[in-house]
Protein backbone atom coordinates (compact mmCIF):
# COMPACT_ATOMS: atom_id res chain seq x y z
CA UNK A 1 30.80 -18.80 28.86
CA UNK A 2 27.50 -16.88 28.86
CA UNK A 3 29.32 -13.52 28.72
CA UNK A 4 31.34 -14.78 25.73
CA UNK A 5 28.14 -15.85 23.94
CA UNK A 6 26.50 -12.49 24.53
CA UNK A 7 29.38 -10.72 22.81
CA UNK A 8 28.14 -12.21 19.54
CA UNK A 9 24.45 -11.61 20.15
CA UNK A 10 23.44 -8.23 18.66
CA UNK A 11 20.49 -6.33 20.07
CA UNK A 12 17.07 -6.97 18.56
CA UNK A 13 16.85 -3.24 17.78
CA UNK A 14 19.96 -3.44 15.61
CA UNK A 15 18.77 -6.64 13.93
CA UNK A 16 15.32 -5.18 13.24
CA UNK A 17 16.92 -2.08 11.71
CA UNK A 18 19.21 -4.22 9.56
CA UNK A 19 16.36 -6.47 8.43
CA UNK A 20 14.21 -3.48 7.46
CA UNK A 21 16.98 -1.70 5.51
CA UNK A 22 17.90 -4.98 3.80
CA UNK A 23 14.30 -5.49 2.66
CA UNK A 24 13.52 -1.90 1.68
CA UNK A 25 16.94 -0.79 0.43
CA UNK A 26 16.66 2.58 2.13
CA UNK A 27 17.41 4.03 5.56
CA UNK A 28 14.51 6.48 5.27
CA UNK A 29 12.02 3.76 4.27
CA UNK A 30 13.20 1.61 7.17
CA UNK A 31 12.79 4.59 9.49
CA UNK A 32 9.16 4.94 8.37
CA UNK A 33 8.46 1.23 8.80
CA UNK A 34 9.93 1.14 12.32
CA UNK A 35 8.67 4.61 13.34
CA UNK A 36 12.22 5.79 14.05
CA UNK A 37 14.36 8.61 12.74
CA UNK A 38 16.75 8.01 9.88
CA UNK A 39 19.61 8.87 12.23
CA UNK A 40 18.51 6.17 14.69
CA UNK A 41 18.49 3.58 11.90
CA UNK A 42 21.96 4.67 10.78
CA UNK A 43 23.30 4.38 14.34
CA UNK A 44 21.87 0.88 14.79
CA UNK A 45 23.45 -0.27 11.52
CA UNK A 46 26.76 1.29 12.54
CA UNK A 47 26.70 -0.46 15.92
CA UNK A 48 25.90 -3.78 14.26
CA UNK A 49 28.73 -3.42 11.74
CA UNK A 50 31.14 -2.48 14.54
CA UNK A 51 30.10 -5.47 16.63
CA UNK A 52 30.46 -7.89 13.71
CA UNK A 53 33.59 -6.23 12.36
CA UNK A 54 32.31 -6.31 8.76
CA UNK A 55 30.54 -4.00 6.34
CA UNK A 56 26.96 -5.04 5.70
CA UNK A 57 26.04 -2.21 3.33
CA UNK A 58 27.73 -0.17 0.63
CA UNK A 59 26.63 3.46 0.55
CA UNK A 60 25.93 4.60 -3.03
CA UNK A 61 24.46 7.69 -4.68
CA UNK A 62 21.20 5.75 -5.07
CA UNK A 63 21.01 4.68 -1.45
CA UNK A 64 22.45 1.54 0.15
CA UNK A 65 23.18 -1.93 -1.19
CA UNK A 66 23.97 -5.11 0.70
CA UNK A 67 27.52 -6.40 0.51
CA UNK A 68 28.06 -10.10 -0.21
CA UNK A 69 28.40 -10.70 3.54
CA UNK A 70 25.32 -8.56 4.15
CA UNK A 71 23.22 -10.58 1.70
CA UNK A 72 24.15 -13.84 3.39
CA UNK A 73 23.51 -12.35 6.84
CA UNK A 74 20.14 -10.96 5.75
CA UNK A 75 18.87 -14.40 4.72
CA UNK A 76 19.43 -15.89 8.16
CA UNK A 77 18.43 -12.83 10.18
CA UNK A 78 15.13 -12.43 8.34
CA UNK A 79 14.16 -16.03 9.13
CA UNK A 80 15.33 -15.71 12.74
CA UNK A 81 13.32 -12.53 13.35
CA UNK A 82 10.26 -14.12 11.75
CA UNK A 83 10.57 -17.06 14.16
CA UNK A 84 10.91 -14.70 17.14
CA UNK A 85 7.84 -12.73 16.02
CA UNK A 86 5.78 -15.90 15.57
CA UNK A 87 6.72 -17.27 18.99
CA UNK A 88 6.08 -13.90 20.63
CA UNK A 89 2.67 -13.59 18.99
CA UNK A 90 1.76 -17.11 20.08
CA UNK A 91 2.61 -16.13 23.65
CA UNK A 92 0.60 -12.90 23.32
CA UNK A 93 -2.38 -14.85 22.00
CA UNK A 94 -3.19 -15.93 25.55
CA UNK A 95 -4.33 -12.37 26.38
CA UNK A 96 -8.02 -11.66 26.68
CA UNK A 97 -10.02 -10.37 23.71
CA UNK A 98 -9.77 -6.68 24.58
CA UNK A 99 -6.74 -5.77 22.45
CA UNK A 100 -7.03 -4.39 18.94
CA UNK A 101 -3.75 -4.75 17.06
CA UNK A 102 -3.94 -2.11 14.33
CA UNK A 103 -1.47 -1.27 11.55
CA UNK A 104 -1.54 2.39 10.53
CA UNK A 105 0.10 4.63 7.96
CA UNK A 106 2.45 7.11 9.68
CA UNK A 107 1.02 10.40 8.39
CA UNK A 108 -2.62 9.31 8.23
CA UNK A 109 -2.31 7.94 11.75
CA UNK A 110 -0.74 11.09 13.16
CA UNK A 111 -2.76 13.69 11.28
CA UNK A 112 -6.24 12.18 10.88
CA UNK A 113 -6.69 9.13 13.10
CA UNK A 114 -5.05 10.04 16.43
CA UNK A 115 -7.11 13.20 17.05
CA UNK A 116 -10.24 11.03 16.72
CA UNK A 117 -9.09 8.04 18.79
CA UNK A 118 -10.28 9.54 22.13
CA UNK A 119 -13.84 9.33 20.78
CA UNK A 120 -13.41 5.63 19.99
CA UNK A 121 -11.96 4.91 23.43
CA UNK A 122 -14.77 6.80 25.11
CA UNK A 123 -17.31 4.65 23.27
CA UNK A 124 -15.31 1.44 23.74
CA UNK A 125 -13.53 1.78 27.12
CA UNK A 126 -12.71 -1.93 27.34
CA UNK A 127 -10.68 -1.96 24.11
CA UNK A 128 -6.92 -1.43 24.24
CA UNK A 129 -5.29 -0.51 20.92
CA UNK A 130 -1.79 -1.69 20.04
CA UNK A 131 -0.52 0.43 17.13
CA UNK A 132 2.01 -0.75 14.56
CA UNK A 133 3.33 1.08 11.50
CA UNK A 134 3.07 -0.62 8.12
CA UNK A 135 3.50 0.78 4.62
CA UNK A 136 2.10 -1.36 1.83
CA UNK A 137 0.61 -4.83 1.90
CA UNK A 138 1.91 -7.53 4.24
CA UNK A 139 0.95 -11.04 5.33
CA UNK A 140 -1.61 -10.89 8.13
CA UNK A 141 -0.92 -14.52 9.03
CA UNK A 142 1.79 -14.56 11.67
CA UNK A 143 1.76 -10.76 12.05
CA UNK A 144 -0.54 -10.73 15.08
CA UNK A 145 -2.42 -7.78 13.54
CA UNK A 146 -6.21 -7.60 13.46
CA UNK A 147 -6.68 -4.78 10.94
CA UNK A 148 -4.79 -2.20 8.90
CA UNK A 149 -5.33 1.21 7.35
CA UNK A 150 -4.30 0.92 3.71
CA UNK A 151 -3.96 3.39 0.85
CA UNK A 152 -4.14 2.04 -2.67
CA UNK A 153 -6.51 -0.40 -4.32
CA UNK A 154 -8.89 -2.89 -2.61
CA UNK A 155 -7.00 -5.89 -3.95
CA UNK A 156 -5.41 -7.38 -0.82
CA UNK A 157 -5.66 -11.21 -1.01
CA UNK A 158 -7.36 -12.96 1.88
CA UNK A 159 -8.88 -9.79 3.31
CA UNK A 160 -12.01 -7.68 3.43
CA UNK A 161 -11.33 -4.09 2.26
CA UNK A 162 -13.82 -1.45 3.42
CA UNK A 163 -13.67 1.92 1.67
CA UNK A 164 -13.01 4.84 4.00
CA UNK A 165 -12.42 7.93 1.89
CA UNK A 166 -11.07 9.30 -1.32
CA UNK A 167 -7.91 11.37 -1.25
CA UNK A 168 -8.13 14.90 -2.71
CA UNK A 169 -4.84 16.55 -3.69
CA UNK A 170 -3.92 20.14 -4.48
CA UNK A 171 -0.65 22.04 -5.08
CA UNK A 172 0.54 23.89 -1.98
CA UNK A 173 3.54 25.99 -0.97
CA UNK A 174 4.54 28.66 1.53
CA UNK A 175 3.01 32.16 1.18
CA UNK A 176 6.49 33.66 0.76
CA UNK A 177 7.30 31.29 -2.08
CA UNK A 178 4.05 32.09 -3.87
CA UNK A 179 4.65 35.82 -3.49
CA UNK A 180 8.09 35.48 -5.08
CA UNK A 181 6.88 32.96 -7.68
CA UNK A 182 3.35 34.04 -8.65
CA UNK A 183 1.09 31.58 -10.46
CA UNK A 184 -1.32 33.35 -12.83
CA UNK A 185 -2.48 30.20 -14.64
CA UNK A 186 -1.93 26.48 -14.02
CA UNK A 187 0.58 26.23 -16.87
CA UNK A 188 2.89 28.49 -14.85
CA UNK A 189 3.47 25.57 -12.48
CA UNK A 190 5.39 23.72 -15.19
CA UNK A 191 8.37 26.05 -14.73
CA UNK A 192 8.27 26.07 -10.92
CA UNK A 193 10.17 23.66 -8.63
CA UNK A 194 7.63 20.87 -8.13
CA UNK A 195 8.19 18.10 -5.59
CA UNK A 196 7.47 14.43 -6.32
CA UNK A 197 6.53 11.71 -3.85
CA UNK A 198 8.20 8.34 -4.43
CA UNK A 199 4.91 6.59 -3.64
CA UNK A 200 3.01 8.72 -6.19
CA UNK A 201 5.31 9.16 -9.19
CA UNK A 202 2.48 10.08 -11.60
CA UNK A 203 0.58 12.47 -9.32
CA UNK A 204 1.59 15.67 -11.13
CA UNK A 205 0.98 14.11 -14.52
CA UNK A 206 -2.56 13.19 -13.45
CA UNK A 207 -3.19 16.64 -11.97
CA UNK A 208 -2.10 18.44 -15.14
CA UNK A 209 -4.05 15.95 -17.29
CA UNK A 210 -7.25 16.84 -15.40
CA UNK A 211 -6.74 20.38 -16.77
CA UNK A 212 -5.83 19.13 -20.27
CA UNK A 213 -2.23 20.23 -19.78
CA UNK A 214 0.69 18.04 -20.88
CA UNK A 215 3.24 17.50 -18.13
CA UNK A 216 6.40 18.36 -20.03
CA UNK A 217 8.53 19.38 -17.07
CA UNK A 218 11.80 17.77 -16.04
CA UNK A 219 12.31 15.87 -12.82
CA UNK A 220 12.23 17.66 -9.48
CA UNK A 221 13.09 16.88 -5.87
CA UNK A 222 11.74 13.49 -4.81
CA UNK A 223 10.70 12.58 -1.27
CA UNK A 224 9.87 9.26 0.36
CA UNK A 225 8.15 10.64 3.45
CA UNK A 226 5.16 12.96 3.55
CA UNK A 227 6.54 14.81 6.58
CA UNK A 228 9.68 15.75 4.66
CA UNK A 229 7.85 17.12 1.64
CA UNK A 230 5.66 19.26 3.91
CA UNK A 231 8.75 20.62 5.65
CA UNK A 232 10.29 21.43 2.27
CA UNK A 233 7.17 23.44 1.39
CA UNK A 234 7.24 25.24 4.74
CA UNK A 235 10.89 26.11 4.08
CA UNK A 236 9.90 27.78 0.82
CA UNK A 237 11.74 25.36 -1.45
CA UNK A 238 8.91 24.71 -3.88
CA UNK A 239 5.44 23.29 -4.49
CA UNK A 240 4.05 19.88 -3.54
CA UNK A 241 0.91 18.07 -4.59
CA UNK A 242 -0.46 16.78 -1.29
CA UNK A 243 -3.71 15.49 0.25
CA UNK A 244 -5.29 18.65 1.64
CA UNK A 245 -6.98 16.91 4.58
CA UNK A 246 -3.56 15.96 5.95
CA UNK A 247 -2.34 19.58 6.07
CA UNK A 248 -5.46 21.27 7.46
CA UNK A 249 -3.56 22.84 10.41
CA UNK A 250 -0.97 24.41 8.10
CA UNK A 251 -3.65 25.69 5.69
CA UNK A 252 -5.77 27.07 8.53
CA UNK A 253 -2.80 28.88 10.10
CA UNK A 254 -1.61 30.26 6.77
CA UNK A 255 1.74 28.46 6.95
CA UNK A 256 0.84 26.85 3.65
CA UNK A 257 -1.37 28.15 0.84
CA UNK A 258 -2.72 26.70 -2.37
CA UNK A 259 -0.52 27.52 -5.34
CA UNK A 260 -3.59 26.89 -7.51
CA UNK A 261 -7.16 26.25 -6.44
CA UNK A 262 -7.74 23.15 -8.58
CA UNK A 263 -8.15 19.98 -6.48
CA UNK A 264 -8.47 16.47 -7.91
CA UNK A 265 -9.15 12.98 -6.65
CA UNK A 266 -6.03 10.93 -6.18
CA UNK A 267 -5.78 7.60 -7.96
CA UNK A 268 -5.62 5.97 -4.52
CA UNK A 269 -8.14 5.73 -1.69
CA UNK A 270 -8.03 4.76 1.98
CA UNK A 271 -9.39 1.41 3.17
CA UNK A 272 -9.79 -0.46 6.42
CA UNK A 273 -8.42 -3.94 5.76
CA UNK A 274 -9.27 -6.98 7.90
CA UNK A 275 -8.15 -10.58 7.39
CA UNK A 276 -11.06 -12.87 6.56
CA UNK A 277 -9.94 -15.21 9.33
CA UNK A 278 -10.62 -12.50 11.97
CA UNK A 279 -13.88 -10.97 10.76
CA UNK A 280 -15.66 -12.12 13.93
CA UNK A 281 -13.12 -10.51 16.29
CA UNK A 282 -15.17 -8.11 18.41
CA UNK A 283 -12.64 -5.27 18.99
CA UNK A 284 -11.92 -5.07 15.26
CA UNK A 285 -15.63 -5.07 14.45
CA UNK A 286 -16.21 -2.23 16.90
CA UNK A 287 -13.35 -0.25 15.37
CA UNK A 288 -14.65 -0.94 11.87
CA UNK A 289 -18.11 0.44 12.67
CA UNK A 290 -16.59 3.49 14.35
CA UNK A 291 -14.04 4.44 11.69
CA UNK A 292 -16.57 3.97 8.87
CA UNK A 293 -18.85 6.42 10.66
CA UNK A 294 -15.97 8.87 11.17
CA UNK A 295 -14.96 8.62 7.52
CA UNK A 296 -18.54 9.20 6.29
CA UNK A 297 -18.93 12.28 8.49
CA UNK A 298 -15.56 13.64 7.40
CA UNK A 299 -16.26 13.11 3.70
CA UNK A 300 -19.71 14.71 3.99
CA UNK A 301 -18.27 17.77 5.75
CA UNK A 302 -15.51 18.05 3.14
CA UNK A 303 -18.02 17.87 0.28
CA UNK A 304 -20.13 20.61 1.87
CA UNK A 305 -17.07 22.82 2.33
CA UNK A 306 -16.19 22.45 -1.34
CA UNK A 307 -19.61 23.81 -2.33
CA UNK A 308 -19.01 27.08 -0.51
């Protein structure tokens, strides 16, 4: 009887992948949320559809859409996973107060935060960090998370948002691309292949506006993930407007160069966000003091470098 029941019990990995794609409407966005590859998400969905014997998604030119069966399944699975998470977090709550459960942005976490984490652990050897990936705002209640790194505006209800740093963006490309497509003045960029980020649809418009140039270009390639747009630049496909501090290794090595020297502040900034209900939690307070210090030092060094 138990074996028969298990036949109809999909893996939590497949259910989590399904739930994420159902909510976000995109395999690539779900991959970012779950810190998996797009191929892994696709395989999990395929396994789930095979096990159930039904199609849960329709593949379209715009992405994926839930079928009627998929929509009905998503309602129940979302609630079931939420219940499992809540019960799991309640069980985990019995641990001692040495764990910091931190939500991070994928690229910021990999490129800026992780190289600095050894310093935090050296200063706070008793703290154990549990990392989770989150993009955008979420409900802290029931998430089990103590803090989050957020990019956007400091308007997260029920939280304290501490400013970390402003984001500076500049147009970059590969040296080979720039040699074949020289830019003599900023207006020249209007006729070059310019990449757009789905999360920053007005970035180029704002960059051109800072130079009193009307953005009259047509649409270009659009990317959802920062890592993909950087790879497209490295491959010599075009020019992207990206936060320069997140591509310092590529700029230092010469793999990427500035297509134009003008750098502007992004409309968004980075914040450390903590739920008001956990402001007294010691590991989060220690992390807050540390990352604010790191951000101040980084911003000061960046400002000095810009004067040279």
